[in-house]
């Protein structure tokens, strides 16, 4: 199989598995799914973290170029050569 085709298939599988994992996560969070099996236990808890409030900074700080850097990331995208359906296009953003 050509690497581009394999990459496309892998991205499709990841999309499907992510949707399934998200649905299961929602079930665990809501209590609709049992959290223990014979081999695994899901732990659900609250985690706290600090959140930066960017909107509270004065405009003179936000518009000052001394406080900004430009980041460049490589992008890999793949699409089908058959008629393109919107959900068939993927992009992988990798931060280096």
PDB file of N, CA and C in Angstrom:
ATOM      1  N   UNK A   1       0.850  -1.176   0.000  1.00  0.00           N
ATOM      2  CA  UNK A   1       0.000   0.000   0.000  1.00  0.00           C
ATOM      3  C   UNK A   1       0.900   1.245   0.000  1.00  0.00           C
ATOM      4  N   UNK A   2       0.492   2.208  -0.776  1.00  0.00           N
ATOM      5  CA  UNK A   2       1.251   3.457  -0.852  1.00  0.00           C
ATOM      6  C   UNK A   2       1.177   4.180   0.493  1.00  0.00           C
ATOM      7  N   UNK A   3       2.276   4.793   0.953  1.00  0.00           N
ATOM      8  CA  UNK A   3       2.257   5.494   2.238  1.00  0.00           C
ATOM      9  C   UNK A   3       1.167   6.561   2.351  1.00  0.00           C
ATOM     10  N   UNK A   4       0.851   7.257   1.260  1.00  0.00           N
ATOM     11  CA  UNK A   4      -0.211   8.275   1.317  1.00  0.00           C
ATOM     12  C   UNK A   4      -1.564   7.623   1.593  1.00  0.00           C
ATOM     13  N   UNK A   5      -1.819   6.489   0.959  1.00  0.00           N
ATOM     14  CA  UNK A   5      -3.080   5.773   1.187  1.00  0.00           C
ATOM     15  C   UNK A   5      -3.144   5.206   2.599  1.00  0.00           C
ATOM     16  N   UNK A   6      -2.028   4.658   3.053  1.00  0.00           N
ATOM     17  CA  UNK A   6      -1.989   4.120   4.413  1.00  0.00           C
ATOM     18  C   UNK A   6      -2.201   5.231   5.436  1.00  0.00           C
ATOM     19  N   UNK A   7      -1.573   6.374   5.208  1.00  0.00           N
ATOM     20  CA  UNK A   7      -1.726   7.520   6.107  1.00  0.00           C
ATOM     21  C   UNK A   7      -3.186   7.951   6.154  1.00  0.00           C
ATOM     22  N   UNK A   8      -3.828   8.023   4.991  1.00  0.00           N
ATOM     23  CA  UNK A   8      -5.242   8.389   4.937  1.00  0.00           C
ATOM     24  C   UNK A   8      -6.083   7.407   5.746  1.00  0.00           C
ATOM     25  N   UNK A   9      -5.846   6.121   5.553  1.00  0.00           N
ATOM     26  CA  UNK A   9      -6.605   5.105   6.297  1.00  0.00           C
ATOM     27  C   UNK A   9      -6.361   5.214   7.798  1.00  0.00           C
ATOM     28  N   UNK A  10      -5.124   5.422   8.195  1.00  0.00           N
ATOM     29  CA  UNK A  10      -4.822   5.576   9.619  1.00  0.00           C
ATOM     30  C   UNK A  10      -5.539   6.779  10.208  1.00  0.00           C
ATOM     31  N   UNK A  11      -5.546   7.901   9.491  1.00  0.00           N
ATOM     32  CA  UNK A  11      -6.240   9.092   9.979  1.00  0.00           C
ATOM     33  C   UNK A  11      -7.744   8.826  10.107  1.00  0.00           C
ATOM     34  N   UNK A  12      -8.329   8.065   9.180  1.00  0.00           N
ATOM     35  CA  UNK A  12      -9.745   7.700   9.272  1.00  0.00           C
ATOM     36  C   UNK A  12      -9.994   6.866  10.527  1.00  0.00           C
ATOM     37  N   UNK A  13      -9.138   5.876  10.760  1.00  0.00           N
ATOM     38  CA  UNK A  13      -9.284   5.021  11.937  1.00  0.00           C
ATOM     39  C   UNK A  13      -9.131   5.822  13.218  1.00  0.00           C
ATOM     40  N   UNK A  14      -8.177   6.737  13.247  1.00  0.00           N
ATOM     41  CA  UNK A  14      -7.978   7.574  14.431  1.00  0.00           C
ATOM     42  C   UNK A  14      -9.214   8.425  14.677  1.00  0.00           C
ATOM     43  N   UNK A  15      -9.792   8.974  13.614  1.00  0.00           N
ATOM     44  CA  UNK A  15     -11.005   9.783  13.742  1.00  0.00           C
ATOM     45  C   UNK A  15     -12.141   8.958  14.357  1.00  0.00           C
ATOM     46  N   UNK A  16     -12.328   7.740  13.862  1.00  0.00           N
ATOM     47  CA  UNK A  16     -13.377   6.861  14.377  1.00  0.00           C
ATOM     48  C   UNK A  16     -13.115   6.479  15.838  1.00  0.00           C
ATOM     49  N   UNK A  17     -11.880   6.133  16.154  1.00  0.00           N
ATOM     50  CA  UNK A  17     -11.545   5.744  17.524  1.00  0.00           C
ATOM     51  C   UNK A  17     -11.655   6.927  18.478  1.00  0.00           C
ATOM     52  N   UNK A  18     -11.288   8.120  18.027  1.00  0.00           N
ATOM     53  CA  UNK A  18     -11.418   9.312  18.862  1.00  0.00           C
ATOM     54  C   UNK A  18     -12.883   9.591  19.165  1.00  0.00           C
ATOM     55  N   UNK A  19     -13.747   9.444  18.170  1.00  0.00           N
ATOM     56  CA  UNK A  19     -15.181   9.650  18.392  1.00  0.00           C
ATOM     57  C   UNK A  19     -15.707   8.635  19.405  1.00  0.00           C
ATOM     58  N   UNK A  20     -15.276   7.393  19.292  1.00  0.00           N
ATOM     59  CA  UNK A  20     -15.702   6.350  20.240  1.00  0.00           C
ATOM     60  C   UNK A  20     -15.171   6.654  21.638  1.00  0.00           C
ATOM     61  N   UNK A  21     -13.908   7.049  21.750  1.00  0.00           N
ATOM     62  CA  UNK A  21     -13.316   7.379  23.051  1.00  0.00           C
ATOM     63  C   UNK A  21     -14.025   8.573  23.675  1.00  0.00           C
ATOM     64  N   UNK A  22     -14.365   9.584  22.866  1.00  0.00           N
ATOM     65  CA  UNK A  22     -15.079  10.749  23.379  1.00  0.00           C
ATOM     66  C   UNK A  22     -16.456  10.367  23.915  1.00  0.00           C
ATOM     67  N   UNK A  23     -17.138   9.476  23.197  1.00  0.00           N
ATOM     68  CA  UNK A  23     -18.458   9.019  23.649  1.00  0.00           C
ATOM     69  C   UNK A  23     -18.337   8.248  24.966  1.00  0.00           C
ATOM     70  N   UNK A  24     -17.328   7.403  25.075  1.00  0.00           N
ATOM     71  CA  UNK A  24     -17.128   6.639  26.304  1.00  0.00           C
ATOM     72  C   UNK A  24     -16.759   7.573  27.456  1.00  0.00           C
ATOM     73  N   UNK A  25     -15.916   8.559  27.191  1.00  0.00           N
ATOM     74  CA  UNK A  25     -15.535   9.536  28.218  1.00  0.00           C
ATOM     75  C   UNK A  25     -16.773  10.238  28.747  1.00  0.00           C
ATOM     76  N   UNK A  26     -17.655  10.657  27.841  1.00  0.00           N
ATOM     77  CA  UNK A  26     -18.897  11.310  28.256  1.00  0.00           C
ATOM     78  C   UNK A  26     -19.737  10.370  29.114  1.00  0.00           C
ATOM     79  N   UNK A  27     -19.756   9.102  28.768  1.00  0.00           N
ATOM     80  CA  UNK A  27     -20.492   8.119  29.556  1.00  0.00           C
ATOM     81  C   UNK A  27     -19.916   7.935  30.949  1.00  0.00           C
ATOM     82  N   UNK A  28     -18.602   7.924  31.056  1.00  0.00           N
ATOM     83  CA  UNK A  28     -17.979   7.813  32.373  1.00  0.00           C
ATOM     84  C   UNK A  28     -18.242   9.054  33.216  1.00  0.00           C
ATOM     85  N   UNK A  29     -18.136  10.217  32.575  1.00  0.00           N
ATOM     86  CA  UNK A  29     -18.360  11.469  33.304  1.00  0.00           C
ATOM     87  C   UNK A  29     -19.798  11.606  33.793  1.00  0.00           C
ATOM     88  N   UNK A  30     -20.743  11.138  32.997  1.00  0.00           N
ATOM     89  CA  UNK A  30     -22.154  11.268  33.369  1.00  0.00           C
ATOM     90  C   UNK A  30     -22.609  10.167  34.318  1.00  0.00           C
ATOM     91  N   UNK A  31     -21.811   9.128  34.450  1.00  0.00           N
ATOM     92  CA  UNK A  31     -22.208   8.002  35.292  1.00  0.00           C
ATOM     93  C   UNK A  31     -23.044   6.975  34.552  1.00  0.00           C
ATOM     94  N   UNK A  32     -23.228   7.157  33.246  1.00  0.00           N
ATOM     95  CA  UNK A  32     -24.035   6.226  32.460  1.00  0.00           C
ATOM     96  C   UNK A  32     -23.305   4.914  32.177  1.00  0.00           C
ATOM     97  N   UNK A  33     -21.982   4.923  32.241  1.00  0.00           N
ATOM     98  CA  UNK A  33     -21.207   3.705  31.998  1.00  0.00           C
ATOM     99  C   UNK A  33     -20.552   3.227  33.289  1.00  0.00           C
ATOM    100  N   UNK A  34     -20.477   1.910  33.479  1.00  0.00           N
ATOM    101  CA  UNK A  34     -19.769   1.400  34.662  1.00  0.00           C
ATOM    102  C   UNK A  34     -18.279   1.694  34.542  1.00  0.00           C
ATOM    103  N   UNK A  35     -17.639   1.978  35.663  1.00  0.00           N
ATOM    104  CA  UNK A  35     -16.228   2.368  35.640  1.00  0.00           C
ATOM    105  C   UNK A  35     -15.269   1.222  35.930  1.00  0.00           C
ATOM    106  N   UNK A  36     -15.767   0.030  36.223  1.00  0.00           N
ATOM    107  CA  UNK A  36     -14.868  -1.077  36.553  1.00  0.00           C
ATOM    108  C   UNK A  36     -15.212  -2.319  35.745  1.00  0.00           C
ATOM    109  N   UNK A  37     -14.172  -2.967  35.266  1.00  0.00           N
ATOM    110  CA  UNK A  37     -14.301  -4.278  34.631  1.00  0.00           C
ATOM    111  C   UNK A  37     -13.451  -5.247  35.429  1.00  0.00           C
ATOM    112  N   UNK A  38     -13.294  -6.462  34.946  1.00  0.00           N
ATOM    113  CA  UNK A  38     -12.435  -7.423  35.636  1.00  0.00           C
ATOM    114  C   UNK A  38     -10.965  -7.027  35.568  1.00  0.00           C
ATOM    115  N   UNK A  39     -10.597  -6.243  34.548  1.00  0.00           N
ATOM    116  CA  UNK A  39      -9.186  -5.930  34.323  1.00  0.00           C
ATOM    117  C   UNK A  39      -8.825  -4.457  34.451  1.00  0.00           C
ATOM    118  N   UNK A  40      -9.824  -3.553  34.392  1.00  0.00           N
ATOM    119  CA  UNK A  40      -9.518  -2.127  34.378  1.00  0.00           C
ATOM    120  C   UNK A  40     -10.529  -1.341  35.204  1.00  0.00           C
ATOM    121  N   UNK A  41     -10.054  -0.223  35.744  1.00  0.00           N
ATOM    122  CA  UNK A  41     -10.920   0.692  36.482  1.00  0.00           C
ATOM    123  C   UNK A  41     -10.696   2.097  35.935  1.00  0.00           C
ATOM    124  N   UNK A  42     -11.773   2.792  35.652  1.00  0.00           N
ATOM    125  CA  UNK A  42     -11.700   4.174  35.209  1.00  0.00           C
ATOM    126  C   UNK A  42     -11.860   5.058  36.435  1.00  0.00           C
ATOM    127  N   UNK A  43     -10.987   6.025  36.584  1.00  0.00           N
ATOM    128  CA  UNK A  43     -11.052   6.953  37.712  1.00  0.00           C
ATOM    129  C   UNK A  43     -11.512   8.313  37.190  1.00  0.00           C
ATOM    130  N   UNK A  44     -12.537   8.879  37.792  1.00  0.00           N
ATOM    131  CA  UNK A  44     -13.055  10.185  37.402  1.00  0.00           C
ATOM    132  C   UNK A  44     -12.894  11.122  38.589  1.00  0.00           C
ATOM    133  N   UNK A  45     -12.252  12.275  38.378  1.00  0.00           N
ATOM    134  CA  UNK A  45     -12.055  13.232  39.456  1.00  0.00           C
ATOM    135  C   UNK A  45     -11.980  14.634  38.887  1.00  0.00           C
ATOM    136  N   UNK A  46     -11.973  15.610  39.764  1.00  0.00           N
ATOM    137  CA  UNK A  46     -11.851  17.010  39.374  1.00  0.00           C
ATOM    138  C   UNK A  46     -10.387  17.435  39.507  1.00  0.00           C
ATOM    139  N   UNK A  47      -9.880  18.111  38.505  1.00  0.00           N
ATOM    140  CA  UNK A  47      -8.504  18.603  38.537  1.00  0.00           C
ATOM    141  C   UNK A  47      -8.529  20.124  38.444  1.00  0.00           C
ATOM    142  N   UNK A  48      -7.748  20.772  39.258  1.00  0.00           N
ATOM    143  CA  UNK A  48      -7.665  22.230  39.232  1.00  0.00           C
ATOM    144  C   UNK A  48      -6.371  22.655  38.534  1.00  0.00           C
ATOM    145  N   UNK A  49      -6.464  23.786  37.846  1.00  0.00           N
ATOM    146  CA  UNK A  49      -5.280  24.350  37.200  1.00  0.00           C
ATOM    147  C   UNK A  49      -5.456  25.851  37.113  1.00  0.00           C
ATOM    148  N   UNK A  50      -4.355  26.517  37.034  1.00  0.00           N
ATOM    149  CA  UNK A  50      -4.389  27.965  36.866  1.00  0.00           C
ATOM    150  C   UNK A  50      -4.667  28.289  35.404  1.00  0.00           C
ATOM    151  N   UNK A  51      -5.449  29.348  35.170  1.00  0.00           N
ATOM    152  CA  UNK A  51      -5.804  29.756  33.817  1.00  0.00           C
ATOM    153  C   UNK A  51      -5.388  31.208  33.627  1.00  0.00           C
ATOM    154  N   UNK A  52      -4.636  31.462  32.587  1.00  0.00           N
ATOM    155  CA  UNK A  52      -4.195  32.816  32.278  1.00  0.00           C
ATOM    156  C   UNK A  52      -5.340  33.581  31.622  1.00  0.00           C
ATOM    157  N   UNK A  53      -5.639  34.766  32.112  1.00  0.00           N
ATOM    158  CA  UNK A  53      -6.737  35.591  31.618  1.00  0.00           C
ATOM    159  C   UNK A  53      -6.185  36.662  30.670  1.00  0.00           C
ATOM    160  N   UNK A  54      -5.954  36.285  29.443  1.00  0.00           N
ATOM    161  CA  UNK A  54      -5.363  37.179  28.452  1.00  0.00           C
ATOM    162  C   UNK A  54      -6.218  38.420  28.231  1.00  0.00           C
ATOM    163  N   UNK A  55      -7.546  38.268  28.292  1.00  0.00           N
ATOM    164  CA  UNK A  55      -8.436  39.401  28.026  1.00  0.00           C
ATOM    165  C   UNK A  55      -8.338  40.502  29.087  1.00  0.00           C
ATOM    166  N   UNK A  56      -7.693  40.232  30.180  1.00  0.00           N
ATOM    167  CA  UNK A  56      -7.518  41.247  31.226  1.00  0.00           C
ATOM    168  C   UNK A  56      -6.269  42.107  31.033  1.00  0.00           C
ATOM    169  N   UNK A  57      -5.448  41.756  30.063  1.00  0.00           N
ATOM    170  CA  UNK A  57      -4.259  42.559  29.790  1.00  0.00           C
ATOM    171  C   UNK A  57      -4.659  43.850  29.075  1.00  0.00           C
ATOM    172  N   UNK A  58      -3.965  44.938  29.374  1.00  0.00           N
ATOM    173  CA  UNK A  58      -4.276  46.199  28.691  1.00  0.00           C
ATOM    174  C   UNK A  58      -3.882  46.129  27.210  1.00  0.00           C
ATOM    175  N   UNK A  59      -4.578  46.866  26.365  1.00  0.00           N
ATOM    176  CA  UNK A  59      -4.290  46.849  24.919  1.00  0.00           C
ATOM    177  C   UNK A  59      -2.843  47.193  24.582  1.00  0.00           C
ATOM    178  N   UNK A  60      -2.220  48.064  25.365  1.00  0.00           N
ATOM    179  CA  UNK A  60      -0.833  48.433  25.055  1.00  0.00           C
ATOM    180  C   UNK A  60       0.129  47.251  25.229  1.00  0.00           C
ATOM    181  N   UNK A  61      -0.202  46.321  26.068  1.00  0.00           N
ATOM    182  CA  UNK A  61       0.615  45.104  26.220  1.00  0.00           C
ATOM    183  C   UNK A  61       0.295  44.137  25.075  1.00  0.00           C
ATOM    184  N   UNK A  62      -0.988  43.952  24.788  1.00  0.00           N
ATOM    185  CA  UNK A  62      -1.388  43.016  23.736  1.00  0.00           C
ATOM    186  C   UNK A  62      -0.871  43.417  22.362  1.00  0.00           C
ATOM    187  N   UNK A  63      -0.742  44.699  22.101  1.00  0.00           N
ATOM    188  CA  UNK A  63      -0.302  45.140  20.777  1.00  0.00           C
ATOM    189  C   UNK A  63       1.207  45.391  20.701  1.00  0.00           C
ATOM    190  N   UNK A  64       1.931  45.195  21.785  1.00  0.00           N
ATOM    191  CA  UNK A  64       3.371  45.435  21.795  1.00  0.00           C
ATOM    192  C   UNK A  64       4.101  44.219  21.213  1.00  0.00           C
ATOM    193  N   UNK A  65       4.811  44.386  20.089  1.00  0.00           N
ATOM    194  CA  UNK A  65       5.489  43.251  19.456  1.00  0.00           C
ATOM    195  C   UNK A  65       6.595  42.632  20.305  1.00  0.00           C
ATOM    196  N   UNK A  66       7.065  43.320  21.320  1.00  0.00           N
ATOM    197  CA  UNK A  66       8.104  42.739  22.183  1.00  0.00           C
ATOM    198  C   UNK A  66       7.608  41.510  22.927  1.00  0.00           C
ATOM    199  N   UNK A  67       6.300  41.364  23.067  1.00  0.00           N
ATOM    200  CA  UNK A  67       5.728  40.255  23.829  1.00  0.00           C
ATOM    201  C   UNK A  67       5.256  39.108  22.944  1.00  0.00           C
ATOM    202  N   UNK A  68       5.547  39.180  21.679  1.00  0.00           N
ATOM    203  CA  UNK A  68       5.059  38.164  20.747  1.00  0.00           C
ATOM    204  C   UNK A  68       6.209  37.551  19.964  1.00  0.00           C
ATOM    205  N   UNK A  69       6.118  36.263  19.728  1.00  0.00           N
ATOM    206  CA  UNK A  69       7.011  35.543  18.829  1.00  0.00           C
ATOM    207  C   UNK A  69       6.150  34.878  17.767  1.00  0.00           C
ATOM    208  N   UNK A  70       6.765  34.541  16.666  1.00  0.00           N
ATOM    209  CA  UNK A  70       6.058  33.810  15.623  1.00  0.00           C
ATOM    210  C   UNK A  70       6.534  32.374  15.648  1.00  0.00           C
ATOM    211  N   UNK A  71       5.594  31.446  15.700  1.00  0.00           N
ATOM    212  CA  UNK A  71       5.919  30.023  15.678  1.00  0.00           C
ATOM    213  C   UNK A  71       5.570  29.466  14.304  1.00  0.00           C
ATOM    214  N   UNK A  72       6.420  28.606  13.802  1.00  0.00           N
ATOM    215  CA  UNK A  72       6.196  27.964  12.517  1.00  0.00           C
ATOM    216  C   UNK A  72       6.114  26.464  12.768  1.00  0.00           C
ATOM    217  N   UNK A  73       5.063  25.839  12.250  1.00  0.00           N
ATOM    218  CA  UNK A  73       4.863  24.406  12.430  1.00  0.00           C
ATOM    219  C   UNK A  73       4.674  23.736  11.081  1.00  0.00           C
ATOM    220  N   UNK A  74       5.268  22.569  10.896  1.00  0.00           N
ATOM    221  CA  UNK A  74       5.017  21.846   9.646  1.00  0.00           C
ATOM    222  C   UNK A  74       3.590  21.313   9.635  1.00  0.00           C
ATOM    223  N   UNK A  75       2.985  21.275   8.463  1.00  0.00           N
ATOM    224  CA  UNK A  75       1.622  20.777   8.311  1.00  0.00           C
ATOM    225  C   UNK A  75       1.641  19.662   7.282  1.00  0.00           C
ATOM    226  N   UNK A  76       1.041  18.529   7.621  1.00  0.00           N
ATOM    227  CA  UNK A  76       0.875  17.422   6.688  1.00  0.00           C
ATOM    228  C   UNK A  76      -0.622  17.223   6.511  1.00  0.00           C
ATOM    229  N   UNK A  77      -1.109  17.281   5.283  1.00  0.00           N
ATOM    230  CA  UNK A  77      -2.526  17.038   5.047  1.00  0.00           C
ATOM    231  C   UNK A  77      -2.669  15.948   4.001  1.00  0.00           C
ATOM    232  N   UNK A  78      -3.769  15.250   4.050  1.00  0.00           N
ATOM    233  CA  UNK A  78      -4.023  14.179   3.089  1.00  0.00           C
ATOM    234  C   UNK A  78      -5.498  14.249   2.708  1.00  0.00           C
ATOM    235  N   UNK A  79      -5.793  13.974   1.462  1.00  0.00           N
ATOM    236  CA  UNK A  79      -7.175  13.938   1.020  1.00  0.00           C
ATOM    237  C   UNK A  79      -7.320  12.854  -0.031  1.00  0.00           C
ATOM    238  N   UNK A  80      -8.528  12.428  -0.212  1.00  0.00           N
ATOM    239  CA  UNK A  80      -8.816  11.401  -1.193  1.00  0.00           C
ATOM    240  C   UNK A  80      -8.778  12.007  -2.584  1.00  0.00           C
ATOM    241  N   UNK A  81      -8.356  11.221  -3.567  1.00  0.00           N
ATOM    242  CA  UNK A  81      -8.390  11.690  -4.943  1.00  0.00           C
ATOM    243  C   UNK A  81      -9.740  11.435  -5.581  1.00  0.00           C
ATOM    244  N   UNK A  82     -10.616  10.707  -4.879  1.00  0.00           N
ATOM    245  CA  UNK A  82     -12.000  10.534  -5.315  1.00  0.00           C
ATOM    246  C   UNK A  82     -12.759  11.786  -4.912  1.00  0.00           C
ATOM    247  N   UNK A  83     -13.993  11.963  -5.362  1.00  0.00           N
ATOM    248  CA  UNK A  83     -14.732  13.172  -4.970  1.00  0.00           C
ATOM    249  C   UNK A  83     -14.636  13.410  -3.464  1.00  0.00           C
ATOM    250  N   UNK A  84     -14.176  14.593  -3.118  1.00  0.00           N
ATOM    251  CA  UNK A  84     -13.842  14.925  -1.741  1.00  0.00           C
ATOM    252  C   UNK A  84     -15.082  15.205  -0.907  1.00  0.00           C
ATOM    253  N   UNK A  85     -15.193  14.483   0.181  1.00  0.00           N
ATOM    254  CA  UNK A  85     -16.186  14.792   1.190  1.00  0.00           C
ATOM    255  C   UNK A  85     -15.474  15.586   2.260  1.00  0.00           C
ATOM    256  N   UNK A  86     -16.124  16.555   2.834  1.00  0.00           N
ATOM    257  CA  UNK A  86     -15.470  17.461   3.782  1.00  0.00           C
ATOM    258  C   UNK A  86     -14.799  16.712   4.916  1.00  0.00           C
ATOM    259  N   UNK A  87     -15.444  15.649   5.433  1.00  0.00           N
ATOM    260  CA  UNK A  87     -14.871  14.963   6.573  1.00  0.00           C
ATOM    261  C   UNK A  87     -13.706  14.054   6.205  1.00  0.00           C
ATOM    262  N   UNK A  88     -13.380  13.926   4.917  1.00  0.00           N
ATOM    263  CA  UNK A  88     -12.278  13.069   4.507  1.00  0.00           C
ATOM    264  C   UNK A  88     -10.930  13.788   4.512  1.00  0.00           C
ATOM    265  N   UNK A  89     -10.895  15.081   4.758  1.00  0.00           N
ATOM    266  CA  UNK A  89      -9.638  15.806   4.746  1.00  0.00           C
ATOM    267  C   UNK A  89      -9.117  15.956   6.165  1.00  0.00           C
ATOM    268  N   UNK A  90      -7.837  15.690   6.337  1.00  0.00           N
ATOM    269  CA  UNK A  90      -7.229  15.742   7.651  1.00  0.00           C
ATOM    270  C   UNK A  90      -5.998  16.622   7.592  1.00  0.00           C
ATOM    271  N   UNK A  91      -5.682  17.238   8.721  1.00  0.00           N
ATOM    272  CA  UNK A  91      -4.428  17.957   8.846  1.00  0.00           C
ATOM    273  C   UNK A  91      -3.774  17.542  10.147  1.00  0.00           C
ATOM    274  N   UNK A  92      -2.498  17.344  10.104  1.00  0.00           N
ATOM    275  CA  UNK A  92      -1.727  17.019  11.296  1.00  0.00           C
ATOM    276  C   UNK A  92      -0.796  18.187  11.545  1.00  0.00           C
ATOM    277  N   UNK A  93      -1.000  18.843  12.680  1.00  0.00           N
ATOM    278  CA  UNK A  93      -0.136  19.961  13.049  1.00  0.00           C
ATOM    279  C   UNK A  93       0.858  19.464  14.079  1.00  0.00           C
ATOM    280  N   UNK A  94       2.112  19.626  13.766  1.00  0.00           N
ATOM    281  CA  UNK A  94       3.160  19.169  14.684  1.00  0.00           C
ATOM    282  C   UNK A  94       3.954  20.372  15.137  1.00  0.00           C
ATOM    283  N   UNK A  95       4.018  20.579  16.429  1.00  0.00           N
ATOM    284  CA  UNK A  95       4.778  21.695  16.972  1.00  0.00           C
ATOM    285  C   UNK A  95       6.210  21.242  17.201  1.00  0.00           C
ATOM    286  N   UNK A  96       7.149  21.947  16.637  1.00  0.00           N
ATOM    287  CA  UNK A  96       8.562  21.581  16.770  1.00  0.00           C
ATOM    288  C   UNK A  96       9.275  22.507  17.667  1.00  0.00           C
TER     289      UNK A  96
END
